[in-house]
Structure formats: structure tokens, C-alpha cells
C-alpha atoms as a PDB file:
ATOM      1  CA  UNK A   1    -112.661  -8.866 -16.696  1.00  0.00           C
ATOM      2  CA  UNK A   2    -113.586  -6.944 -13.577  1.00  0.00           C
ATOM      3  CA  UNK A   3    -111.020  -6.550 -10.813  1.00  0.00           C
ATOM      4  CA  UNK A   4    -111.161  -8.869  -7.814  1.00  0.00           C
ATOM      5  CA  UNK A   5    -110.673  -6.532  -4.883  1.00  0.00           C
ATOM      6  CA  UNK A   6    -110.379  -7.117  -1.173  1.00  0.00           C
ATOM      7  CA  UNK A   7    -110.522  -3.371  -0.513  1.00  0.00           C
ATOM      8  CA  UNK A   8    -110.970  -0.255  -2.676  1.00  0.00           C
ATOM      9  CA  UNK A   9    -108.305   0.818  -5.155  1.00  0.00           C
ATOM     10  CA  UNK A  10    -107.816   4.402  -6.302  1.00  0.00           C
ATOM     11  CA  UNK A  11    -106.574   4.923  -9.834  1.00  0.00           C
ATOM     12  CA  UNK A  12    -105.226   8.432 -10.191  1.00  0.00           C
ATOM     13  CA  UNK A  13    -103.307  10.685 -12.531  1.00  0.00           C
ATOM     14  CA  UNK A  14    -101.519  13.984 -12.001  1.00  0.00           C
ATOM     15  CA  UNK A  15    -100.826  16.843 -14.348  1.00  0.00           C
ATOM     16  CA  UNK A  16     -97.992  18.952 -12.985  1.00  0.00           C
ATOM     17  CA  UNK A  17     -95.713  21.929 -13.558  1.00  0.00           C
ATOM     18  CA  UNK A  18     -92.852  19.571 -14.471  1.00  0.00           C
ATOM     19  CA  UNK A  19     -91.166  16.270 -13.655  1.00  0.00           C
ATOM     20  CA  UNK A  20     -89.037  17.195 -10.636  1.00  0.00           C
ATOM     21  CA  UNK A  21     -90.627  15.246  -7.779  1.00  0.00           C
ATOM     22  CA  UNK A  22     -89.210  17.501  -5.063  1.00  0.00           C
ATOM     23  CA  UNK A  23     -89.839  20.891  -6.647  1.00  0.00           C
ATOM     24  CA  UNK A  24     -92.733  20.657  -9.103  1.00  0.00           C
ATOM     25  CA  UNK A  25     -96.396  20.962  -8.155  1.00  0.00           C
ATOM     26  CA  UNK A  26     -99.743  19.466  -9.102  1.00  0.00           C
ATOM     27  CA  UNK A  27    -102.030  21.462 -11.419  1.00  0.00           C
ATOM     28  CA  UNK A  28    -104.696  18.778 -11.860  1.00  0.00           C
ATOM     29  CA  UNK A  29    -105.515  15.543 -10.052  1.00  0.00           C
ATOM     30  CA  UNK A  30    -108.133  12.994 -10.996  1.00  0.00           C
ATOM     31  CA  UNK A  31    -109.045  10.000  -8.826  1.00  0.00           C
ATOM     32  CA  UNK A  32    -111.214   7.038  -9.778  1.00  0.00           C
ATOM     33  CA  UNK A  33    -112.082   4.977  -6.689  1.00  0.00           C
ATOM     34  CA  UNK A  34    -113.219   1.431  -7.422  1.00  0.00           C
ATOM     35  CA  UNK A  35    -114.890  -0.547  -4.627  1.00  0.00           C
ATOM     36  CA  UNK A  36    -114.873  -4.350  -4.170  1.00  0.00           C
ATOM     37  CA  UNK A  37    -118.570  -4.485  -5.134  1.00  0.00           C
ATOM     38  CA  UNK A  38    -117.825  -2.749  -8.444  1.00  0.00           C
ATOM     39  CA  UNK A  39    -119.154   0.668  -7.467  1.00  0.00           C
ATOM     40  CA  UNK A  40    -117.085   3.655  -8.539  1.00  0.00           C
ATOM     41  CA  UNK A  41    -116.537   7.171  -7.289  1.00  0.00           C
ATOM     42  CA  UNK A  42    -114.545   9.793  -9.161  1.00  0.00           C
ATOM     43  CA  UNK A  43    -113.310  13.300  -8.539  1.00  0.00           C
ATOM     44  CA  UNK A  44    -111.171  15.731 -10.520  1.00  0.00           C
ATOM     45  CA  UNK A  45    -109.648  18.939  -9.204  1.00  0.00           C
ATOM     46  CA  UNK A  46    -107.763  21.720 -10.925  1.00  0.00           C
ATOM     47  CA  UNK A  47    -105.080  23.027  -8.585  1.00  0.00           C
ATOM     48  CA  UNK A  48    -103.329  26.368  -8.251  1.00  0.00           C
ATOM     49  CA  UNK A  49     -99.655  25.317  -8.010  1.00  0.00           C
ATOM     50  CA  UNK A  50     -98.569  28.651  -6.540  1.00  0.00           C
ATOM     51  CA  UNK A  51     -95.789  28.783  -9.108  1.00  0.00           C
ATOM     52  CA  UNK A  52     -95.667  29.524 -12.848  1.00  0.00           C
ATOM     53  CA  UNK A  53     -96.501  26.694 -15.252  1.00  0.00           C
ATOM     54  CA  UNK A  54     -93.744  26.588 -17.897  1.00  0.00           C
ATOM     55  CA  UNK A  55     -95.018  27.122 -21.474  1.00  0.00           C
ATOM     56  CA  UNK A  56     -93.498  23.821 -22.627  1.00  0.00           C
ATOM     57  CA  UNK A  57     -95.475  22.006 -19.906  1.00  0.00           C
ATOM     58  CA  UNK A  58     -98.701  23.765 -20.869  1.00  0.00           C
ATOM     59  CA  UNK A  59     -98.134  22.499 -24.413  1.00  0.00           C
ATOM     60  CA  UNK A  60     -98.306  18.941 -23.064  1.00  0.00           C
ATOM     61  CA  UNK A  61    -101.435  19.088 -20.867  1.00  0.00           C
ATOM     62  CA  UNK A  62    -103.073  22.344 -21.980  1.00  0.00           C
ATOM     63  CA  UNK A  63    -103.398  23.800 -18.491  1.00  0.00           C
ATOM     64  CA  UNK A  64    -102.423  27.475 -18.340  1.00  0.00           C
ATOM     65  CA  UNK A  65    -101.606  29.790 -15.454  1.00  0.00           C
ATOM     66  CA  UNK A  66    -104.855  31.657 -16.132  1.00  0.00           C
ATOM     67  CA  UNK A  67    -106.896  28.436 -15.959  1.00  0.00           C
ATOM     68  CA  UNK A  68    -105.747  27.630 -12.412  1.00  0.00           C
ATOM     69  CA  UNK A  69    -105.365  31.164 -11.055  1.00  0.00           C
ATOM     70  CA  UNK A  70    -108.625  31.023  -9.074  1.00  0.00           C
ATOM     71  CA  UNK A  71    -108.524  27.320  -8.218  1.00  0.00           C
ATOM     72  CA  UNK A  72    -107.746  26.023  -4.706  1.00  0.00           C
ATOM     73  CA  UNK A  73    -104.150  25.283  -3.764  1.00  0.00           C
ATOM     74  CA  UNK A  74    -103.141  21.731  -2.961  1.00  0.00           C
ATOM     75  CA  UNK A  75    -102.784  22.791   0.644  1.00  0.00           C
ATOM     76  CA  UNK A  76    -106.514  23.517   0.627  1.00  0.00           C
ATOM     77  CA  UNK A  77    -107.346  20.207  -1.094  1.00  0.00           C
ATOM     78  CA  UNK A  78    -104.928  17.933   0.757  1.00  0.00           C
ATOM     79  CA  UNK A  79    -107.385  16.629   3.360  1.00  0.00           C
ATOM     80  CA  UNK A  80    -110.028  15.870   0.712  1.00  0.00           C
ATOM     81  CA  UNK A  81    -107.496  13.945  -1.380  1.00  0.00           C
ATOM     82  CA  UNK A  82    -106.194  12.110   1.675  1.00  0.00           C
ATOM     83  CA  UNK A  83    -109.718  11.160   2.796  1.00  0.00           C
ATOM     84  CA  UNK A  84    -110.511   9.763  -0.658  1.00  0.00           C
ATOM     85  CA  UNK A  85    -107.458   7.510  -0.877  1.00  0.00           C
ATOM     86  CA  UNK A  86    -107.313   6.529   2.807  1.00  0.00           C
ATOM     87  CA  UNK A  87    -107.517   2.776   3.309  1.00  0.00           C
ATOM     88  CA  UNK A  88    -107.187   2.132  -0.427  1.00  0.00           C
ATOM     89  CA  UNK A  89    -104.599   0.572  -2.679  1.00  0.00           C
ATOM     90  CA  UNK A  90    -103.304   2.754  -5.502  1.00  0.00           C
ATOM     91  CA  UNK A  91    -103.134   2.356  -9.275  1.00  0.00           C
ATOM     92  CA  UNK A  92    -101.844   4.437 -12.141  1.00  0.00           C
ATOM     93  CA  UNK A  93     -99.754   4.637 -15.286  1.00  0.00           C
ATOM     94  CA  UNK A  94     -96.076   5.224 -14.382  1.00  0.00           C
ATOM     95  CA  UNK A  95     -97.437   5.922 -10.904  1.00  0.00           C
ATOM     96  CA  UNK A  96     -94.724   4.098  -8.956  1.00  0.00           C
ATOM     97  CA  UNK A  97     -91.989   6.310 -10.370  1.00  0.00           C
ATOM     98  CA  UNK A  98     -93.830   9.618 -10.682  1.00  0.00           C
ATOM     99  CA  UNK A  99     -97.422  10.124  -9.527  1.00  0.00           C
ATOM    100  CA  UNK A 100     -97.180   8.434  -6.120  1.00  0.00           C
ATOM    101  CA  UNK A 101     -93.837  10.063  -5.175  1.00  0.00           C
ATOM    102  CA  UNK A 102     -95.047  13.510  -6.223  1.00  0.00           C
ATOM    103  CA  UNK A 103     -98.389  13.091  -4.451  1.00  0.00           C
ATOM    104  CA  UNK A 104     -96.514  12.019  -1.322  1.00  0.00           C
ATOM    105  CA  UNK A 105     -94.418  15.188  -1.465  1.00  0.00           C
ATOM    106  CA  UNK A 106     -97.489  17.401  -1.850  1.00  0.00           C
ATOM    107  CA  UNK A 107     -99.310  15.725   1.053  1.00  0.00           C
ATOM    108  CA  UNK A 108     -96.313  15.853   3.377  1.00  0.00           C
ATOM    109  CA  UNK A 109     -95.708  19.484   2.406  1.00  0.00           C
ATOM    110  CA  UNK A 110     -99.318  20.173   3.463  1.00  0.00           C
ATOM    111  CA  UNK A 111     -98.664  18.428   6.813  1.00  0.00           C
ATOM    112  CA  UNK A 112    -100.902  15.503   5.859  1.00  0.00           C
ATOM    113  CA  UNK A 113     -99.270  12.166   6.647  1.00  0.00           C
ATOM    114  CA  UNK A 114     -98.748   9.702   3.817  1.00  0.00           C
ATOM    115  CA  UNK A 115     -97.414   6.188   4.197  1.00  0.00           C
ATOM    116  CA  UNK A 116     -97.336   3.185   1.851  1.00  0.00           C
ATOM    117  CA  UNK A 117     -96.661   0.672   4.635  1.00  0.00           C
ATOM    118  CA  UNK A 118    -100.038  -1.086   4.338  1.00  0.00           C
ATOM    119  CA  UNK A 119    -100.777  -0.084   0.747  1.00  0.00           C
ATOM    120  CA  UNK A 120     -99.937  -1.840  -2.512  1.00  0.00           C
ATOM    121  CA  UNK A 121     -99.507   0.016  -5.793  1.00  0.00           C
ATOM    122  CA  UNK A 122    -100.379  -1.358  -9.230  1.00  0.00           C
ATOM    123  CA  UNK A 123     -98.425   0.341 -12.013  1.00  0.00           C
ATOM    124  CA  UNK A 124    -100.274  -0.400 -15.243  1.00  0.00           C
ATOM    125  CA  UNK A 125     -97.412   1.027 -17.321  1.00  0.00           C
ATOM    126  CA  UNK A 126     -94.977  -1.527 -15.918  1.00  0.00           C
ATOM    127  CA  UNK A 127     -97.363  -4.388 -16.695  1.00  0.00           C
ATOM    128  CA  UNK A 128     -97.800  -2.981 -20.191  1.00  0.00           C
ATOM    129  CA  UNK A 129     -94.070  -2.527 -20.773  1.00  0.00           C
ATOM    130  CA  UNK A 130     -93.310  -6.033 -19.540  1.00  0.00           C
ATOM    131  CA  UNK A 131     -95.934  -7.418 -21.903  1.00  0.00           C
ATOM    132  CA  UNK A 132     -95.950  -5.081 -24.916  1.00  0.00           C
ATOM    133  CA  UNK A 133     -93.622  -2.075 -24.340  1.00  0.00           C
ATOM    134  CA  UNK A 134     -95.869   0.766 -25.591  1.00  0.00           C
ATOM    135  CA  UNK A 135     -97.319   4.149 -24.461  1.00  0.00           C
ATOM    136  CA  UNK A 136    -100.703   4.796 -22.785  1.00  0.00           C
ATOM    137  CA  UNK A 137    -102.345   5.837 -26.078  1.00  0.00           C
ATOM    138  CA  UNK A 138    -100.988   2.699 -27.761  1.00  0.00           C
ATOM    139  CA  UNK A 139    -102.002   0.586 -24.775  1.00  0.00           C
ATOM    140  CA  UNK A 140    -105.543   1.907 -24.942  1.00  0.00           C
ATOM    141  CA  UNK A 141    -105.722   1.180 -28.665  1.00  0.00           C
ATOM    142  CA  UNK A 142    -104.034  -2.220 -28.308  1.00  0.00           C
ATOM    143  CA  UNK A 143    -106.057  -3.543 -25.367  1.00  0.00           C
ATOM    144  CA  UNK A 144    -109.366  -1.700 -25.707  1.00  0.00           C
ATOM    145  CA  UNK A 145    -109.393  -0.975 -29.464  1.00  0.00           C
ATOM    146  CA  UNK A 146    -110.283   2.642 -28.747  1.00  0.00           C
ATOM    147  CA  UNK A 147    -108.588   5.947 -29.534  1.00  0.00           C
ATOM    148  CA  UNK A 148    -107.637   7.932 -26.449  1.00  0.00           C
ATOM    149  CA  UNK A 149    -109.259  11.336 -26.865  1.00  0.00           C
ATOM    150  CA  UNK A 150    -108.064  14.235 -24.688  1.00  0.00           C
ATOM    151  CA  UNK A 151    -104.758  12.500 -23.919  1.00  0.00           C
ATOM    152  CA  UNK A 152    -102.871  14.248 -21.098  1.00  0.00           C
ATOM    153  CA  UNK A 153    -106.155  15.242 -19.527  1.00  0.00           C
ATOM    154  CA  UNK A 154    -105.946  13.744 -16.039  1.00  0.00           C
ATOM    155  CA  UNK A 155    -109.525  12.437 -16.169  1.00  0.00           C
ATOM    156  CA  UNK A 156    -109.157  10.834 -19.612  1.00  0.00           C
ATOM    157  CA  UNK A 157    -105.825   9.243 -18.686  1.00  0.00           C
ATOM    158  CA  UNK A 158    -107.202   7.956 -15.367  1.00  0.00           C
ATOM    159  CA  UNK A 159    -110.229   6.262 -16.919  1.00  0.00           C
ATOM    160  CA  UNK A 160    -108.130   4.843 -19.764  1.00  0.00           C
ATOM    161  CA  UNK A 161    -105.669   3.385 -17.246  1.00  0.00           C
ATOM    162  CA  UNK A 162    -108.502   1.610 -15.402  1.00  0.00           C
ATOM    163  CA  UNK A 163    -109.912   0.184 -18.646  1.00  0.00           C
ATOM    164  CA  UNK A 164    -106.460  -0.968 -19.811  1.00  0.00           C
ATOM    165  CA  UNK A 165    -105.840  -2.907 -16.591  1.00  0.00           C
ATOM    166  CA  UNK A 166    -109.154  -4.744 -16.909  1.00  0.00           C
ATOM    167  CA  UNK A 167    -108.325  -5.608 -20.535  1.00  0.00           C
ATOM    168  CA  UNK A 168    -104.857  -6.811 -19.493  1.00  0.00           C
ATOM    169  CA  UNK A 169    -106.501  -9.265 -17.078  1.00  0.00           C
ATOM    170  CA  UNK A 170    -108.645 -10.565 -19.935  1.00  0.00           C
ATOM    171  CA  UNK A 171    -105.672 -10.926 -22.291  1.00  0.00           C
ATOM    172  CA  UNK A 172    -103.069 -12.483 -19.987  1.00  0.00           C
ATOM    173  CA  UNK A 173    -104.283 -15.509 -18.004  1.00  0.00           C
ATOM    174  CA  UNK A 174    -100.948 -15.580 -16.144  1.00  0.00           C
ATOM    175  CA  UNK A 175    -101.903 -12.304 -14.439  1.00  0.00           C
ATOM    176  CA  UNK A 176    -103.741 -13.094 -11.222  1.00  0.00           C
ATOM    177  CA  UNK A 177    -106.828 -10.994 -10.559  1.00  0.00           C
ATOM    178  CA  UNK A 178    -105.445  -9.926  -7.217  1.00  0.00           C
ATOM    179  CA  UNK A 179    -104.271  -6.432  -6.276  1.00  0.00           C
ATOM    180  CA  UNK A 180    -101.271  -7.649  -4.282  1.00  0.00           C
ATOM    181  CA  UNK A 181    -100.077  -9.848  -7.159  1.00  0.00           C
ATOM    182  CA  UNK A 182    -100.521  -7.022  -9.676  1.00  0.00           C
ATOM    183  CA  UNK A 183     -98.636  -4.629  -7.395  1.00  0.00           C
ATOM    184  CA  UNK A 184     -95.721  -7.043  -7.070  1.00  0.00           C
ATOM    185  CA  UNK A 185     -95.741  -7.755 -10.812  1.00  0.00           C
ATOM    186  CA  UNK A 186     -95.753  -4.047 -11.676  1.00  0.00           C
ATOM    187  CA  UNK A 187     -93.069  -3.094  -9.190  1.00  0.00           C
ATOM    188  CA  UNK A 188     -89.440  -2.535 -10.063  1.00  0.00           C
ATOM    189  CA  UNK A 189     -86.485  -2.792  -7.671  1.00  0.00           C
ATOM    190  CA  UNK A 190     -87.722  -2.375  -4.121  1.00  0.00           C
ATOM    191  CA  UNK A 191     -86.777   0.793  -2.296  1.00  0.00           C
ATOM    192  CA  UNK A 192     -87.704   2.096   1.128  1.00  0.00           C
ATOM    193  CA  UNK A 193     -88.425   5.516  -0.390  1.00  0.00           C
ATOM    194  CA  UNK A 194     -89.957   6.503  -3.710  1.00  0.00           C
ATOM    195  CA  UNK A 195     -86.959   8.366  -5.100  1.00  0.00           C
ATOM    196  CA  UNK A 196     -84.645   5.374  -4.795  1.00  0.00           C
ATOM    197  CA  UNK A 197     -82.129   6.837  -2.343  1.00  0.00           C
ATOM    198  CA  UNK A 198     -82.800   4.159   0.288  1.00  0.00           C
ATOM    199  CA  UNK A 199     -82.867   0.515  -0.841  1.00  0.00           C
ATOM    200  CA  UNK A 200     -83.134  -2.818   0.987  1.00  0.00           C
ATOM    201  CA  UNK A 201     -80.422  -5.438   1.316  1.00  0.00           C
ATOM    202  CA  UNK A 202     -81.101  -9.194   1.142  1.00  0.00           C
ATOM    203  CA  UNK A 203     -82.112  -9.198   4.809  1.00  0.00           C
ATOM    204  CA  UNK A 204     -84.627  -6.390   4.280  1.00  0.00           C
ATOM    205  CA  UNK A 205     -82.501  -3.767   6.042  1.00  0.00           C
ATOM    206  CA  UNK A 206     -82.326  -0.186   4.758  1.00  0.00           C
ATOM    207  CA  UNK A 207     -79.120   0.711   2.894  1.00  0.00           C
ATOM    208  CA  UNK A 208     -78.009   3.842   1.076  1.00  0.00           C
ATOM    209  CA  UNK A 209     -78.121   3.499  -2.715  1.00  0.00           C
ATOM    210  CA  UNK A 210     -76.131   6.642  -3.546  1.00  0.00           C
ATOM    211  CA  UNK A 211     -73.084   8.669  -2.605  1.00  0.00           C
ATOM    212  CA  UNK A 212     -70.107   7.819  -0.439  1.00  0.00           C
ATOM    213  CA  UNK A 213     -72.146   5.454   1.757  1.00  0.00           C
ATOM    214  CA  UNK A 214     -73.706   3.502  -1.105  1.00  0.00           C
ATOM    215  CA  UNK A 215     -74.423  -0.069  -0.025  1.00  0.00           C
ATOM    216  CA  UNK A 216     -73.920   0.687   3.671  1.00  0.00           C
ATOM    217  CA  UNK A 217     -76.577   0.146   6.330  1.00  0.00           C
ATOM    218  CA  UNK A 218     -78.442   3.353   7.155  1.00  0.00           C
ATOM    219  CA  UNK A 219     -78.432   2.511  10.879  1.00  0.00           C
ATOM    220  CA  UNK A 220     -74.685   1.913  10.856  1.00  0.00           C
ATOM    221  CA  UNK A 221     -73.912   5.170   9.035  1.00  0.00           C
ATOM    222  CA  UNK A 222     -76.074   7.153  11.462  1.00  0.00           C
ATOM    223  CA  UNK A 223     -74.262   5.526  14.377  1.00  0.00           C
ATOM    224  CA  UNK A 224     -70.764   6.126  12.971  1.00  0.00           C
ATOM    225  CA  UNK A 225     -71.425   9.534  11.416  1.00  0.00           C
ATOM    226  CA  UNK A 226     -74.293  11.336  13.240  1.00  0.00           C
ATOM    227  CA  UNK A 227     -73.730  14.564  11.325  1.00  0.00           C
ATOM    228  CA  UNK A 228     -74.660  12.838   8.057  1.00  0.00           C
ATOM    229  CA  UNK A 229     -78.292  12.580   9.170  1.00  0.00           C
ATOM    230  CA  UNK A 230     -78.404  16.332   9.816  1.00  0.00           C
ATOM    231  CA  UNK A 231     -76.904  17.012   6.413  1.00  0.00           C
ATOM    232  CA  UNK A 232     -79.488  14.800   4.701  1.00  0.00           C
ATOM    233  CA  UNK A 233     -82.366  16.505   6.515  1.00  0.00           C
ATOM    234  CA  UNK A 234     -81.168  19.947   5.420  1.00  0.00           C
ATOM    235  CA  UNK A 235     -80.236  18.975   1.872  1.00  0.00           C
ATOM    236  CA  UNK A 236     -82.559  19.011  -1.143  1.00  0.00           C
ATOM    237  CA  UNK A 237     -83.943  15.486  -0.769  1.00  0.00           C
ATOM    238  CA  UNK A 238     -87.643  14.515  -1.134  1.00  0.00           C
ATOM    239  CA  UNK A 239     -89.704  14.828   2.038  1.00  0.00           C
ATOM    240  CA  UNK A 240     -90.674  11.152   1.914  1.00  0.00           C
ATOM    241  CA  UNK A 241     -86.990  10.142   1.821  1.00  0.00           C
ATOM    242  CA  UNK A 242     -86.401  12.289   4.907  1.00  0.00           C
ATOM    243  CA  UNK A 243     -89.408  10.673   6.577  1.00  0.00           C
ATOM    244  CA  UNK A 244     -87.970   7.192   5.954  1.00  0.00           C
ATOM    245  CA  UNK A 245     -84.587   8.242   7.363  1.00  0.00           C
ATOM    246  CA  UNK A 246     -86.251   9.706  10.457  1.00  0.00           C
ATOM    247  CA  UNK A 247     -88.206   6.470  10.978  1.00  0.00           C
ATOM    248  CA  UNK A 248     -85.003   4.428  10.781  1.00  0.00           C
ATOM    249  CA  UNK A 249     -83.295   6.754  13.252  1.00  0.00           C
ATOM    250  CA  UNK A 250     -86.220   6.584  15.720  1.00  0.00           C
ATOM    251  CA  UNK A 251     -86.333   2.802  15.432  1.00  0.00           C
ATOM    252  CA  UNK A 252     -82.638   2.650  16.221  1.00  0.00           C
ATOM    253  CA  UNK A 253     -83.106   4.893  19.266  1.00  0.00           C
ATOM    254  CA  UNK A 254     -86.088   2.878  20.510  1.00  0.00           C
ATOM    255  CA  UNK A 255     -84.158  -0.384  20.155  1.00  0.00           C
ATOM    256  CA  UNK A 256     -81.263   1.136  22.091  1.00  0.00           C
ATOM    257  CA  UNK A 257     -83.563   2.148  24.948  1.00  0.00           C
ATOM    258  CA  UNK A 258     -84.932  -1.401  25.195  1.00  0.00           C
ATOM    259  CA  UNK A 259     -81.474  -2.868  25.746  1.00  0.00           C
END
């Protein structure tokens, strides 16, 4: 079953130096852009992470320091990546918890704005785990009856993810062929940021989900303890989390000026 799309969706996969969203870097990115008319556009880049790739990570994806030594840095590729995904929804395998947050960090670090406000994200892994609870290789075999060759190659994983989602739509009639529905179905607990430091309460207001202010309104904490915002901005939190906190603070200031 082909996807019913109202606007393009970009399936993508990252290979990285590790799994720390704030500190690790991309070494390969592959994007498959699918248009509402069924046309596709794909691009894969190797990336110089400007830091050593640990041997244990190379064992997983096969990308060595030597292989990326003369490749462009993400800073040099950021605008191309941003242009390709601009105005698109996003899709991936474990993308909500890893690929999207890490991509956001890389883009913001390169001074390229990234915001999910008008974008939905379909996490094929979450759909798979809710239905079958397997890995990508098993999903590909289960849904498509194919063996996933070159697993942990960004391009192979990206194309397999796209094929798995289409097969999931064929297999499960309860899944609506609608990007927004699939995004909501594949989402976990809703957070204002990717890392899960800022959640929403029942009224949709931002609250802290960690530390001494857990469960408290972000706006209220900033009003009662202004120094906490400065500490958060200087601490080792993801850039996207800091962006969300800044947006809340500016909204609070703007609302105060209107009174």
C-alpha cells in the first residue's frame, strides 16, 4: 500500500559516533524524500564528525575515521539537509527518541533553525513494537519477506524503513493511511523537547519532568527562581531543550508586556 500524503515526508537514518544526543556527532545521513504524487528523491552523505569515532561504534556501522577524514563536516552540509527536509514531515526507525533529537542538535549547533511545531513524525519502530515487538532486520523479514543486507548502512536502513511502513499499512487495516494518524500512533509520551526534560500537563502547559522542580510549571519556576533559567542555559542540556525554555521565557515576557 502506498502512503497517502498531504505533503512530502522525509524518511532518514543517521549513523553516529555514539548514542549521546548532546555530545555525539553524525558520520552518515541518508534521506529518502517521498512526495504526495509518489515521486522520490534520495541523498546520502558521509560526514566528518570532527571527533574520533570509537572502535566499538565502527564495529556497528563500519565507518572509520579514515573513511570520513576528507568528507564535509555537518556544518558544511547543514543548509543542504535543512533545505531537503523543509516543509516535510519526518519518518524513521527509533527516530523520535534518537535520530530527530540528534539531527536537531546538529542543525542548531550549525546555527540552522529547527522546529517541529508544524511537523509530524512517524516512528516506524514504535508501530512495529506495538504490533510485533521486533528489530528492524526482523521487521523487514516479517513484513517484506526480505533479508536486510548491509544493515547499519544508513541508506539500506532508510529504504528498509520506508518499505516496512508501506507493508504495515497493508497488514493492519486499523492503521489509517494518514501521516498525522501514524505520527500520533507512533508517538510515546508527549514532551515539549526531544530529550524529555520538559513535558506537558493536562492543560498543555510546559512542566519540568526532572529534578527539584519536577511537575512544576516552567513559567512559574522562572518567575519564582530566575537564576534557575541561567543555570539551565549554562548546564549540559541539549540545545533544543534550551530553545524550548527560551521560547517559554519569551512568551511569558511578551504576555507580561501586553497586560
